[in-house]
Every structure is written in structure tokens, then in C-alpha cells.
Amino acid sequence: MNGERGIRRTGLIAGGVAVAMLGLAYASVPLYRLFCQVTGFGGATIRVDEDAAPKVVDKVIKVRFDANVAPGLAWTFKPVQTQATIRIGERKMAFYQATNLTDKPITGMATYNVSPDTAGGYFMKIHCFCFDQQTLQPGETVDMPVSYYIDPAILDDQSARRIDEITLSYTFFPQEEETNKTAANTAVKAADGTQG
């Protein structure tokens, strides 16, 4: 009897640790995004006010668009156009398209990155789907906009002024709440010995 209690306790502890580790893994995405936005680390972009009106200059930069989906999110996600040419200071809009491949609503959140890293501080987002959670209904396809410009201050930066191509990359992750529910159910089943 005492041995069964010990096995059950060990199972519950192991299940709790698994849930905590999974929760921390998914919490790391928004925490990393916040860290990058504050520090500019990893090519994080800067969010600007819609009223910002930079001076448009003649230098042209090619912007490439990249899209990825994290494991566990049953969506397709792709850029509508794979690249655009933009004059520095000019406002542009690009679209990404996402489709929910399941028969239930799913919520996701996008993280983003700009490369090369030195360009991240000059890639200004006015409006972006990545600022909010996105919930797609079963089978739903949506076009999601991102409005942006390249800050003319890039021309004053010795390490960034020669950049002629920038890649804007997004990765959609399943929203934490749904993932944590699944992880909690799995941990409870594991602790009860009913996982299968």
C-alpha cells in the first residue's frame, strides 16, 4: 500500500514538473519578444505611431518576407508576396495569409525578427498582426497586414547604411492557454497511468 502511494506521488510530481516545464517553454516566447523589443537584441523592430511621417529618400532597399509555423499549431502561414522594393522612409503594406487546418478555433501569436540584426532598429512597424493574438475559426483563411517603413536614420549608421536587403520573418506559435490545457491533460493522464 505504501509503495503504491509512493509511485502515485512520484507520478504526480513528474507530471507537475512536465506541465511546469512546458508552461515555461511557451512563456519564453512572449518574454523573449519583450526582451528583444526593449533591447533591440536579435533584430527586433520598433513599433511607431501611425502619425509618424519620415522623410522619404531615394535609396531603395529590398524587403523579403518569410513565414514559419511552430510545431503544435495546425495552420498554414505564408507571405502573400515574397518581396517588395521600398524607398527609405516610404510607407508600405504587406500581407501574410494564415489558414486554420482544423475543425476547431485555434489562437496563435506571432513573433518576428528582422535580419540582418543591425537593420532591426530601423525597421519601423506602424500596424502589425503580430501585436495581437489571432484566432482563426475552423477552416478559416485570413490575410493579415503589416504596415512599415525603413527609418532614414539607417543612412547615418556606419554599420547599417550599406544594407540593401532586409528579411522580415514571422513565426506563429500556439497560444499558451490552449497548449497548457493540453499539457495539463497529458500530465494528469500520465499521473493516473491512463495515458495511451
N, C-alpha and C. Protein backbone atom coordinates (compact mmCIF):
# COMPACT_ATOMS: atom_id res chain seq x y z
N MET A 1 0.83 -1.20 0.00
CA MET A 1 0.00 0.00 0.00
C MET A 1 0.87 1.25 0.00
N ASN A 2 1.90 1.25 0.85
CA ASN A 2 2.81 2.39 0.93
C ASN A 2 3.57 2.57 -0.37
N GLY A 3 3.92 1.45 -1.03
CA GLY A 3 4.64 1.51 -2.30
C GLY A 3 3.78 2.13 -3.40
N GLU A 4 2.49 1.79 -3.42
CA GLU A 4 1.58 2.36 -4.42
C GLU A 4 1.44 3.87 -4.23
N ARG A 5 1.36 4.28 -2.98
CA ARG A 5 1.24 5.71 -2.67
C ARG A 5 2.49 6.46 -3.15
N GLY A 6 3.66 5.86 -2.93
CA GLY A 6 4.92 6.47 -3.37
C GLY A 6 5.00 6.58 -4.89
N ILE A 7 4.54 5.52 -5.58
CA ILE A 7 4.55 5.54 -7.05
C ILE A 7 3.60 6.62 -7.56
N ARG A 8 2.43 6.69 -6.97
CA ARG A 8 1.44 7.70 -7.38
C ARG A 8 1.99 9.11 -7.12
N ARG A 9 2.61 9.30 -5.96
CA ARG A 9 3.18 10.61 -5.62
C ARG A 9 4.28 10.99 -6.62
N THR A 10 5.14 10.03 -6.92
CA THR A 10 6.22 10.28 -7.89
C THR A 10 5.63 10.63 -9.26
N GLY A 11 4.58 9.93 -9.66
CA GLY A 11 3.92 10.22 -10.94
C GLY A 11 3.32 11.61 -10.97
N LEU A 12 2.68 12.01 -9.87
CA LEU A 12 2.10 13.35 -9.80
C LEU A 12 3.18 14.42 -9.84
N ILE A 13 4.27 14.19 -9.12
CA ILE A 13 5.37 15.16 -9.13
C ILE A 13 5.97 15.26 -10.53
N ALA A 14 6.21 14.11 -11.17
CA ALA A 14 6.77 14.12 -12.53
C ALA A 14 5.83 14.82 -13.50
N GLY A 15 4.53 14.56 -13.36
CA GLY A 15 3.55 15.23 -14.22
C GLY A 15 3.52 16.73 -13.99
N GLY A 16 3.60 17.14 -12.72
CA GLY A 16 3.63 18.57 -12.40
C GLY A 16 4.87 19.25 -12.96
N VAL A 17 6.00 18.58 -12.85
CA VAL A 17 7.24 19.14 -13.40
C VAL A 17 7.12 19.27 -14.92
N ALA A 18 6.53 18.26 -15.57
CA ALA A 18 6.37 18.32 -17.03
C ALA A 18 5.48 19.49 -17.44
N VAL A 19 4.38 19.69 -16.71
CA VAL A 19 3.48 20.81 -17.01
C VAL A 19 4.21 22.14 -16.79
N ALA A 20 4.95 22.24 -15.70
CA ALA A 20 5.68 23.49 -15.42
C ALA A 20 6.72 23.77 -16.50
N MET A 21 7.44 22.74 -16.93
CA MET A 21 8.45 22.93 -17.98
C MET A 21 7.81 23.36 -19.29
N LEU A 22 6.69 22.74 -19.64
CA LEU A 22 6.00 23.11 -20.87
C LEU A 22 5.46 24.53 -20.78
N GLY A 23 4.91 24.89 -19.63
CA GLY A 23 4.42 26.25 -19.44
C GLY A 23 5.53 27.28 -19.57
N LEU A 24 6.67 26.99 -18.97
CA LEU A 24 7.82 27.90 -19.08
C LEU A 24 8.33 27.98 -20.51
N ALA A 25 8.30 26.86 -21.22
CA ALA A 25 8.75 26.87 -22.61
C ALA A 25 7.88 27.80 -23.45
N TYR A 26 6.57 27.74 -23.26
CA TYR A 26 5.69 28.61 -24.04
C TYR A 26 5.68 30.04 -23.52
N ALA A 27 5.94 30.24 -22.24
CA ALA A 27 6.03 31.60 -21.71
C ALA A 27 7.30 32.28 -22.19
N SER A 28 8.29 31.49 -22.59
CA SER A 28 9.55 32.08 -23.04
C SER A 28 9.38 32.87 -24.33
N VAL A 29 8.40 32.52 -25.15
CA VAL A 29 8.19 33.24 -26.41
C VAL A 29 7.83 34.70 -26.16
N PRO A 30 6.77 35.00 -25.38
CA PRO A 30 6.48 36.42 -25.14
C PRO A 30 7.55 37.12 -24.31
N LEU A 31 8.19 36.39 -23.39
CA LEU A 31 9.25 37.02 -22.61
C LEU A 31 10.45 37.37 -23.49
N TYR A 32 10.79 36.49 -24.42
CA TYR A 32 11.90 36.77 -25.33
C TYR A 32 11.55 37.96 -26.23
N ARG A 33 10.30 38.00 -26.71
CA ARG A 33 9.87 39.12 -27.55
C ARG A 33 9.99 40.44 -26.79
N LEU A 34 9.55 40.45 -25.55
CA LEU A 34 9.65 41.66 -24.73
C LEU A 34 11.11 42.06 -24.55
N PHE A 35 11.97 41.10 -24.25
CA PHE A 35 13.40 41.38 -24.08
C PHE A 35 13.97 41.99 -25.36
N CYS A 36 13.65 41.41 -26.52
CA CYS A 36 14.18 41.90 -27.79
C CYS A 36 13.66 43.30 -28.12
N GLN A 37 12.39 43.56 -27.81
CA GLN A 37 11.83 44.88 -28.10
C GLN A 37 12.47 45.95 -27.23
N VAL A 38 12.77 45.62 -25.99
CA VAL A 38 13.36 46.58 -25.08
C VAL A 38 14.82 46.85 -25.42
N THR A 39 15.54 45.78 -25.78
CA THR A 39 16.99 45.91 -26.00
C THR A 39 17.38 46.05 -27.46
N GLY A 40 16.47 45.71 -28.40
CA GLY A 40 16.82 45.70 -29.82
C GLY A 40 17.62 44.47 -30.20
N PHE A 41 17.76 43.53 -29.27
CA PHE A 41 18.52 42.31 -29.50
C PHE A 41 17.83 41.45 -30.55
N GLY A 42 18.62 40.79 -31.37
CA GLY A 42 18.09 39.82 -32.32
C GLY A 42 17.28 40.42 -33.45
N GLY A 43 17.51 41.67 -33.78
CA GLY A 43 16.82 42.27 -34.91
C GLY A 43 15.38 42.65 -34.63
N ALA A 44 15.04 42.88 -33.37
CA ALA A 44 13.68 43.29 -33.04
C ALA A 44 13.38 44.64 -33.68
N THR A 45 12.17 44.78 -34.16
CA THR A 45 11.76 46.02 -34.80
C THR A 45 11.19 46.98 -33.76
N ILE A 46 10.91 48.18 -34.21
CA ILE A 46 10.35 49.20 -33.32
C ILE A 46 8.94 49.53 -33.79
N ARG A 47 8.01 49.58 -32.85
CA ARG A 47 6.63 49.95 -33.15
C ARG A 47 6.52 51.46 -33.06
N VAL A 48 5.91 52.07 -34.09
CA VAL A 48 5.79 53.53 -34.12
C VAL A 48 4.34 53.95 -34.25
N ASP A 49 4.09 55.21 -33.96
CA ASP A 49 2.77 55.80 -34.06
C ASP A 49 2.38 55.94 -35.53
N GLU A 50 1.11 55.78 -35.81
CA GLU A 50 0.60 55.88 -37.17
C GLU A 50 0.84 57.26 -37.78
N ASP A 51 0.95 58.28 -36.93
CA ASP A 51 1.13 59.65 -37.43
C ASP A 51 2.58 59.96 -37.80
N ALA A 52 3.49 59.05 -37.50
CA ALA A 52 4.90 59.29 -37.82
C ALA A 52 5.05 59.45 -39.33
N ALA A 53 5.72 60.51 -39.75
CA ALA A 53 5.88 60.78 -41.18
C ALA A 53 7.35 61.07 -41.48
N PRO A 54 8.12 60.03 -41.77
CA PRO A 54 9.54 60.25 -42.04
C PRO A 54 9.77 60.86 -43.42
N LYS A 55 10.95 61.40 -43.60
CA LYS A 55 11.35 61.94 -44.89
C LYS A 55 11.69 60.77 -45.81
N VAL A 56 11.13 60.77 -47.02
CA VAL A 56 11.41 59.72 -48.00
C VAL A 56 12.65 60.10 -48.78
N VAL A 57 13.59 59.16 -48.89
CA VAL A 57 14.82 59.41 -49.64
C VAL A 57 14.90 58.44 -50.82
N ASP A 58 15.84 58.69 -51.73
CA ASP A 58 15.90 57.91 -52.96
C ASP A 58 16.50 56.51 -52.82
N LYS A 59 17.26 56.25 -51.78
CA LYS A 59 17.87 54.92 -51.65
C LYS A 59 16.79 53.85 -51.52
N VAL A 60 16.98 52.74 -52.24
CA VAL A 60 16.00 51.66 -52.28
C VAL A 60 16.55 50.43 -51.54
N ILE A 61 15.68 49.77 -50.80
CA ILE A 61 16.03 48.53 -50.10
C ILE A 61 15.00 47.47 -50.48
N LYS A 62 15.48 46.25 -50.69
CA LYS A 62 14.59 45.13 -50.96
C LYS A 62 14.22 44.50 -49.61
N VAL A 63 12.92 44.26 -49.41
CA VAL A 63 12.44 43.60 -48.20
C VAL A 63 11.89 42.23 -48.60
N ARG A 64 12.44 41.19 -48.00
CA ARG A 64 11.96 39.82 -48.22
C ARG A 64 11.05 39.44 -47.06
N PHE A 65 10.04 38.64 -47.35
CA PHE A 65 9.08 38.22 -46.34
C PHE A 65 9.16 36.71 -46.15
N ASP A 66 9.24 36.29 -44.89
CA ASP A 66 9.39 34.88 -44.53
C ASP A 66 8.31 34.52 -43.51
N ALA A 67 7.83 33.28 -43.56
CA ALA A 67 6.78 32.84 -42.63
C ALA A 67 7.05 31.41 -42.17
N ASN A 68 6.81 31.18 -40.88
CA ASN A 68 7.01 29.86 -40.28
C ASN A 68 5.90 29.58 -39.29
N VAL A 69 5.64 28.29 -39.06
CA VAL A 69 4.66 27.87 -38.07
C VAL A 69 5.35 26.92 -37.10
N ALA A 70 5.22 27.18 -35.81
CA ALA A 70 5.82 26.32 -34.79
C ALA A 70 5.09 24.99 -34.72
N PRO A 71 5.80 23.94 -34.32
CA PRO A 71 5.13 22.65 -34.12
C PRO A 71 3.99 22.80 -33.13
N GLY A 72 2.90 22.10 -33.38
CA GLY A 72 1.76 22.16 -32.48
C GLY A 72 0.69 23.15 -32.92
N LEU A 73 0.93 23.89 -33.98
CA LEU A 73 -0.07 24.83 -34.50
C LEU A 73 -0.47 24.36 -35.90
N ALA A 74 -1.69 23.89 -36.02
CA ALA A 74 -2.16 23.32 -37.29
C ALA A 74 -2.67 24.41 -38.23
N TRP A 75 -1.76 25.26 -38.64
CA TRP A 75 -2.05 26.34 -39.59
C TRP A 75 -1.09 26.25 -40.76
N THR A 76 -1.53 26.79 -41.89
CA THR A 76 -0.57 27.16 -42.93
C THR A 76 -0.40 28.66 -42.79
N PHE A 77 0.78 29.13 -43.07
CA PHE A 77 1.09 30.55 -42.91
C PHE A 77 2.15 30.91 -43.93
N LYS A 78 1.84 31.92 -44.75
CA LYS A 78 2.78 32.30 -45.81
C LYS A 78 2.63 33.77 -46.16
N PRO A 79 3.68 34.37 -46.71
CA PRO A 79 3.55 35.74 -47.19
C PRO A 79 2.76 35.75 -48.50
N VAL A 80 1.91 36.75 -48.69
CA VAL A 80 1.17 36.86 -49.95
C VAL A 80 2.13 37.24 -51.07
N GLN A 81 3.05 38.16 -50.79
CA GLN A 81 4.13 38.47 -51.73
C GLN A 81 5.43 38.12 -51.02
N THR A 82 6.40 37.60 -51.75
CA THR A 82 7.64 37.16 -51.11
C THR A 82 8.66 38.27 -50.94
N GLN A 83 8.49 39.38 -51.67
CA GLN A 83 9.42 40.50 -51.51
C GLN A 83 8.80 41.79 -52.03
N ALA A 84 9.39 42.90 -51.61
CA ALA A 84 8.97 44.23 -52.06
C ALA A 84 10.19 45.12 -52.11
N THR A 85 10.14 46.11 -52.97
CA THR A 85 11.19 47.12 -53.03
C THR A 85 10.61 48.40 -52.46
N ILE A 86 11.37 49.03 -51.56
CA ILE A 86 10.86 50.20 -50.86
C ILE A 86 11.94 51.28 -50.78
N ARG A 87 11.51 52.52 -50.96
CA ARG A 87 12.45 53.64 -50.73
C ARG A 87 12.50 53.90 -49.24
N ILE A 88 13.65 54.25 -48.75
CA ILE A 88 13.81 54.53 -47.32
C ILE A 88 12.88 55.69 -46.94
N GLY A 89 12.10 55.48 -45.88
CA GLY A 89 11.14 56.48 -45.42
C GLY A 89 9.75 56.29 -46.01
N GLU A 90 9.61 55.50 -47.05
CA GLU A 90 8.32 55.27 -47.70
C GLU A 90 7.51 54.24 -46.90
N ARG A 91 6.22 54.53 -46.71
CA ARG A 91 5.34 53.57 -46.04
C ARG A 91 4.89 52.51 -47.04
N LYS A 92 4.90 51.27 -46.57
CA LYS A 92 4.44 50.14 -47.40
C LYS A 92 3.57 49.24 -46.55
N MET A 93 2.78 48.42 -47.23
CA MET A 93 1.97 47.43 -46.56
C MET A 93 2.20 46.08 -47.23
N ALA A 94 2.36 45.06 -46.42
CA ALA A 94 2.50 43.69 -46.92
C ALA A 94 1.44 42.84 -46.23
N PHE A 95 1.13 41.71 -46.84
CA PHE A 95 0.13 40.81 -46.26
C PHE A 95 0.70 39.41 -46.12
N TYR A 96 0.30 38.78 -45.02
CA TYR A 96 0.58 37.37 -44.79
C TYR A 96 -0.77 36.67 -44.73
N GLN A 97 -0.80 35.40 -45.15
CA GLN A 97 -2.05 34.65 -45.16
C GLN A 97 -1.93 33.43 -44.25
N ALA A 98 -2.94 33.24 -43.41
CA ALA A 98 -2.97 32.09 -42.49
C ALA A 98 -4.27 31.33 -42.68
N THR A 99 -4.19 30.01 -42.57
CA THR A 99 -5.36 29.14 -42.66
C THR A 99 -5.34 28.15 -41.51
N ASN A 100 -6.47 28.04 -40.83
CA ASN A 100 -6.65 27.04 -39.77
C ASN A 100 -7.03 25.72 -40.44
N LEU A 101 -6.23 24.69 -40.26
CA LEU A 101 -6.44 23.40 -40.92
C LEU A 101 -7.29 22.44 -40.09
N THR A 102 -7.80 22.90 -38.95
CA THR A 102 -8.54 22.00 -38.06
C THR A 102 -10.04 22.28 -38.10
N ASP A 103 -10.77 21.49 -37.31
CA ASP A 103 -12.21 21.67 -37.20
C ASP A 103 -12.60 22.38 -35.90
N LYS A 104 -11.62 23.09 -35.30
CA LYS A 104 -11.91 23.85 -34.08
C LYS A 104 -11.18 25.19 -34.15
N PRO A 105 -11.69 26.21 -33.42
CA PRO A 105 -10.99 27.50 -33.40
C PRO A 105 -9.62 27.35 -32.74
N ILE A 106 -8.64 28.02 -33.29
CA ILE A 106 -7.28 27.98 -32.74
C ILE A 106 -6.74 29.41 -32.67
N THR A 107 -6.10 29.72 -31.54
CA THR A 107 -5.49 31.03 -31.35
C THR A 107 -3.98 30.90 -31.42
N GLY A 108 -3.37 31.82 -32.16
CA GLY A 108 -1.92 31.84 -32.27
C GLY A 108 -1.39 33.25 -32.05
N MET A 109 -0.11 33.33 -31.81
CA MET A 109 0.56 34.63 -31.63
C MET A 109 1.87 34.56 -32.40
N ALA A 110 2.15 35.62 -33.14
CA ALA A 110 3.35 35.66 -33.97
C ALA A 110 4.49 36.37 -33.26
N THR A 111 5.68 35.83 -33.42
CA THR A 111 6.90 36.54 -33.05
C THR A 111 7.56 36.94 -34.35
N TYR A 112 8.42 37.93 -34.30
CA TYR A 112 9.02 38.42 -35.54
C TYR A 112 10.49 38.70 -35.34
N ASN A 113 11.18 38.78 -36.44
CA ASN A 113 12.60 39.08 -36.42
C ASN A 113 12.96 39.76 -37.74
N VAL A 114 13.94 40.61 -37.68
CA VAL A 114 14.47 41.27 -38.87
C VAL A 114 15.94 40.91 -38.99
N SER A 115 16.34 40.55 -40.18
CA SER A 115 17.78 40.33 -40.39
C SER A 115 18.20 41.10 -41.64
N PRO A 116 19.42 41.61 -41.65
CA PRO A 116 20.42 41.48 -40.60
C PRO A 116 20.00 42.22 -39.32
N ASP A 117 20.57 41.77 -38.21
CA ASP A 117 20.21 42.32 -36.90
C ASP A 117 20.35 43.84 -36.83
N THR A 118 21.36 44.38 -37.50
CA THR A 118 21.59 45.83 -37.43
C THR A 118 20.45 46.63 -38.06
N ALA A 119 19.64 45.99 -38.90
CA ALA A 119 18.51 46.68 -39.53
C ALA A 119 17.28 46.72 -38.63
N GLY A 120 17.24 45.87 -37.60
CA GLY A 120 16.05 45.77 -36.76
C GLY A 120 15.62 47.08 -36.14
N GLY A 121 16.55 47.88 -35.70
CA GLY A 121 16.22 49.16 -35.07
C GLY A 121 15.73 50.21 -36.03
N TYR A 122 15.84 49.94 -37.33
CA TYR A 122 15.41 50.90 -38.35
C TYR A 122 14.17 50.43 -39.11
N PHE A 123 13.71 49.21 -38.82
CA PHE A 123 12.51 48.68 -39.45
C PHE A 123 11.34 49.04 -38.56
N MET A 124 10.57 50.04 -38.97
CA MET A 124 9.50 50.61 -38.14
C MET A 124 8.14 50.04 -38.54
N LYS A 125 7.47 49.42 -37.57
CA LYS A 125 6.13 48.87 -37.82
C LYS A 125 5.09 49.86 -37.32
N ILE A 126 4.18 50.20 -38.20
CA ILE A 126 3.08 51.10 -37.84
C ILE A 126 1.89 50.27 -37.36
N HIS A 127 1.59 49.22 -38.10
CA HIS A 127 0.50 48.31 -37.74
C HIS A 127 0.95 46.90 -38.08
N CYS A 128 0.65 45.95 -37.19
CA CYS A 128 1.08 44.58 -37.44
C CYS A 128 0.15 43.59 -36.74
N PHE A 129 -0.16 42.51 -37.43
CA PHE A 129 -0.95 41.44 -36.83
C PHE A 129 -0.21 40.81 -35.64
N CYS A 130 1.10 41.00 -35.59
CA CYS A 130 1.90 40.41 -34.52
C CYS A 130 1.72 41.12 -33.19
N PHE A 131 1.04 42.26 -33.17
CA PHE A 131 0.82 42.98 -31.92
C PHE A 131 -0.29 42.33 -31.09
N ASP A 132 -1.10 41.46 -31.70
CA ASP A 132 -2.25 40.87 -31.04
C ASP A 132 -2.35 39.37 -31.31
N GLN A 133 -3.09 38.67 -30.45
CA GLN A 133 -3.39 37.26 -30.70
C GLN A 133 -4.30 37.17 -31.91
N GLN A 134 -4.19 36.09 -32.65
CA GLN A 134 -5.04 35.87 -33.81
C GLN A 134 -5.81 34.56 -33.61
N THR A 135 -7.13 34.64 -33.66
CA THR A 135 -7.95 33.43 -33.54
C THR A 135 -8.58 33.15 -34.89
N LEU A 136 -8.34 31.95 -35.39
CA LEU A 136 -8.92 31.53 -36.67
C LEU A 136 -9.96 30.45 -36.40
N GLN A 137 -11.11 30.60 -37.02
CA GLN A 137 -12.18 29.62 -36.90
C GLN A 137 -11.84 28.40 -37.77
N PRO A 138 -12.54 27.29 -37.58
CA PRO A 138 -12.24 26.08 -38.35
C PRO A 138 -12.24 26.35 -39.86
N GLY A 139 -11.16 26.00 -40.53
CA GLY A 139 -11.04 26.16 -41.97
C GLY A 139 -10.90 27.60 -42.45
N GLU A 140 -10.88 28.56 -41.55
CA GLU A 140 -10.83 29.98 -41.94
C GLU A 140 -9.46 30.36 -42.50
N THR A 141 -9.49 31.19 -43.54
CA THR A 141 -8.28 31.78 -44.12
C THR A 141 -8.39 33.29 -43.99
N VAL A 142 -7.33 33.92 -43.49
CA VAL A 142 -7.33 35.38 -43.35
C VAL A 142 -6.04 35.96 -43.91
N ASP A 143 -6.16 37.18 -44.45
CA ASP A 143 -4.99 37.96 -44.86
C ASP A 143 -4.71 38.95 -43.74
N MET A 144 -3.47 38.95 -43.28
CA MET A 144 -3.10 39.79 -42.15
C MET A 144 -2.07 40.82 -42.60
N PRO A 145 -2.35 42.12 -42.36
CA PRO A 145 -1.46 43.18 -42.85
C PRO A 145 -0.34 43.54 -41.87
N VAL A 146 0.73 44.03 -42.45
CA VAL A 146 1.78 44.68 -41.68
C VAL A 146 2.15 45.95 -42.44
N SER A 147 2.06 47.09 -41.76
CA SER A 147 2.38 48.38 -42.35
C SER A 147 3.71 48.84 -41.75
N TYR A 148 4.65 49.26 -42.61
CA TYR A 148 6.01 49.52 -42.13
C TYR A 148 6.72 50.57 -42.99
N TYR A 149 7.87 51.00 -42.50
CA TYR A 149 8.81 51.80 -43.29
C TYR A 149 10.21 51.61 -42.73
N ILE A 150 11.20 51.98 -43.51
CA ILE A 150 12.59 51.94 -43.07
C ILE A 150 12.97 53.36 -42.65
N ASP A 151 13.42 53.51 -41.41
CA ASP A 151 13.78 54.82 -40.86
C ASP A 151 14.99 55.38 -41.61
N PRO A 152 14.88 56.63 -42.12
CA PRO A 152 16.02 57.25 -42.81
C PRO A 152 17.29 57.34 -41.96
N ALA A 153 17.17 57.23 -40.64
CA ALA A 153 18.35 57.26 -39.77
C ALA A 153 19.29 56.09 -40.06
N ILE A 154 18.82 55.09 -40.79
CA ILE A 154 19.68 53.96 -41.16
C ILE A 154 20.89 54.45 -41.96
N LEU A 155 20.71 55.55 -42.69
CA LEU A 155 21.79 56.09 -43.52
C LEU A 155 22.88 56.75 -42.68
N ASP A 156 22.58 57.07 -41.42
CA ASP A 156 23.57 57.68 -40.53
C ASP A 156 24.36 56.64 -39.73
N ASP A 157 23.96 55.39 -39.82
CA ASP A 157 24.61 54.32 -39.06
C ASP A 157 25.67 53.65 -39.94
N GLN A 158 26.93 53.76 -39.52
CA GLN A 158 28.05 53.20 -40.30
C GLN A 158 27.87 51.71 -40.57
N SER A 159 27.34 50.97 -39.59
CA SER A 159 27.21 49.53 -39.75
C SER A 159 25.95 49.11 -40.52
N ALA A 160 25.02 50.03 -40.75
CA ALA A 160 23.77 49.67 -41.42
C ALA A 160 23.54 50.38 -42.74
N ARG A 161 24.27 51.43 -43.04
CA ARG A 161 23.98 52.25 -44.22
C ARG A 161 24.12 51.51 -45.55
N ARG A 162 24.92 50.45 -45.59
CA ARG A 162 25.14 49.72 -46.85
C ARG A 162 24.18 48.54 -47.03
N ILE A 163 23.28 48.36 -46.10
CA ILE A 163 22.30 47.27 -46.22
C ILE A 163 21.40 47.54 -47.42
N ASP A 164 21.28 46.54 -48.28
CA ASP A 164 20.40 46.71 -49.44
C ASP A 164 19.28 45.66 -49.47
N GLU A 165 19.27 44.77 -48.48
CA GLU A 165 18.22 43.76 -48.39
C GLU A 165 17.95 43.43 -46.93
N ILE A 166 16.67 43.41 -46.59
CA ILE A 166 16.22 43.10 -45.23
C ILE A 166 15.21 41.97 -45.31
N THR A 167 15.28 41.04 -44.37
CA THR A 167 14.29 39.96 -44.30
C THR A 167 13.44 40.16 -43.05
N LEU A 168 12.12 40.19 -43.25
CA LEU A 168 11.15 40.24 -42.16
C LEU A 168 10.57 38.85 -42.01
N SER A 169 10.80 38.24 -40.87
CA SER A 169 10.40 36.85 -40.65
C SER A 169 9.43 36.76 -39.47
N TYR A 170 8.37 35.98 -39.64
CA TYR A 170 7.40 35.73 -38.58
C TYR A 170 7.32 34.24 -38.30
N THR A 171 7.11 33.90 -37.04
CA THR A 171 6.80 32.53 -36.65
C THR A 171 5.56 32.58 -35.77
N PHE A 172 4.54 31.82 -36.15
CA PHE A 172 3.32 31.73 -35.35
C PHE A 172 3.45 30.57 -34.37
N PHE A 173 3.09 30.83 -33.11
CA PHE A 173 3.10 29.82 -32.06
C PHE A 173 1.68 29.62 -31.55
N PRO A 174 1.34 28.40 -31.10
CA PRO A 174 0.03 28.23 -30.48
C PRO A 174 -0.04 29.09 -29.23
N GLN A 175 -1.23 29.61 -28.95
CA GLN A 175 -1.38 30.46 -27.77
C GLN A 175 -1.27 29.61 -26.52
N GLU A 176 -0.66 30.15 -25.48
CA GLU A 176 -0.33 29.44 -24.25
C GLU A 176 -1.51 28.71 -23.62
N GLU A 177 -2.66 29.35 -23.53
CA GLU A 177 -3.79 28.77 -22.81
C GLU A 177 -4.17 27.41 -23.38
N GLU A 178 -4.26 27.31 -24.73
CA GLU A 178 -4.62 26.04 -25.35
C GLU A 178 -3.54 25.00 -25.12
N THR A 179 -2.29 25.41 -25.24
CA THR A 179 -1.18 24.49 -25.06
C THR A 179 -1.11 24.00 -23.63
N ASN A 180 -1.33 24.89 -22.67
CA ASN A 180 -1.27 24.50 -21.27
C ASN A 180 -2.41 23.54 -20.90
N LYS A 181 -3.60 23.72 -21.51
CA LYS A 181 -4.70 22.78 -21.27
C LYS A 181 -4.31 21.39 -21.74
N THR A 182 -3.74 21.29 -22.93
CA THR A 182 -3.31 20.01 -23.48
C THR A 182 -2.23 19.40 -22.61
N ALA A 183 -1.27 20.19 -22.19
CA ALA A 183 -0.18 19.70 -21.34
C ALA A 183 -0.71 19.22 -20.00
N ALA A 184 -1.65 19.97 -19.43
CA ALA A 184 -2.21 19.59 -18.13
C ALA A 184 -2.96 18.27 -18.25
N ASN A 185 -3.75 18.10 -19.31
CA ASN A 185 -4.47 16.85 -19.52
C ASN A 185 -3.51 15.68 -19.68
N THR A 186 -2.44 15.88 -20.42
CA THR A 186 -1.44 14.83 -20.62
C THR A 186 -0.78 14.47 -19.30
N ALA A 187 -0.44 15.47 -18.48
CA ALA A 187 0.21 15.22 -17.20
C ALA A 187 -0.72 14.47 -16.25
N VAL A 188 -2.00 14.83 -16.23
CA VAL A 188 -2.96 14.15 -15.36
C VAL A 188 -3.10 12.69 -15.79
N LYS A 189 -3.19 12.45 -17.11
CA LYS A 189 -3.28 11.08 -17.60
C LYS A 189 -2.03 10.29 -17.24
N ALA A 190 -0.87 10.93 -17.35
CA ALA A 190 0.39 10.25 -17.03
C ALA A 190 0.43 9.89 -15.54
N ALA A 191 -0.02 10.81 -14.70
CA ALA A 191 -0.01 10.57 -13.26
C ALA A 191 -0.98 9.46 -12.87
N ASP A 192 -2.12 9.39 -13.59
CA ASP A 192 -3.11 8.35 -13.32
C ASP A 192 -2.76 7.03 -13.98
N GLY A 193 -1.77 7.06 -14.86
CA GLY A 193 -1.40 5.85 -15.59
C GLY A 193 -2.35 5.52 -16.71
N THR A 194 -3.13 6.53 -17.19
CA THR A 194 -4.12 6.28 -18.24
C THR A 194 -3.70 6.82 -19.59
N GLN A 195 -2.47 7.32 -19.69
CA GLN A 195 -2.05 7.89 -20.98
C GLN A 195 -1.91 6.77 -21.98
N GLY A 196 -2.39 7.04 -23.18
CA GLY A 196 -2.28 5.99 -24.18
C GLY A 196 -2.57 6.45 -25.53
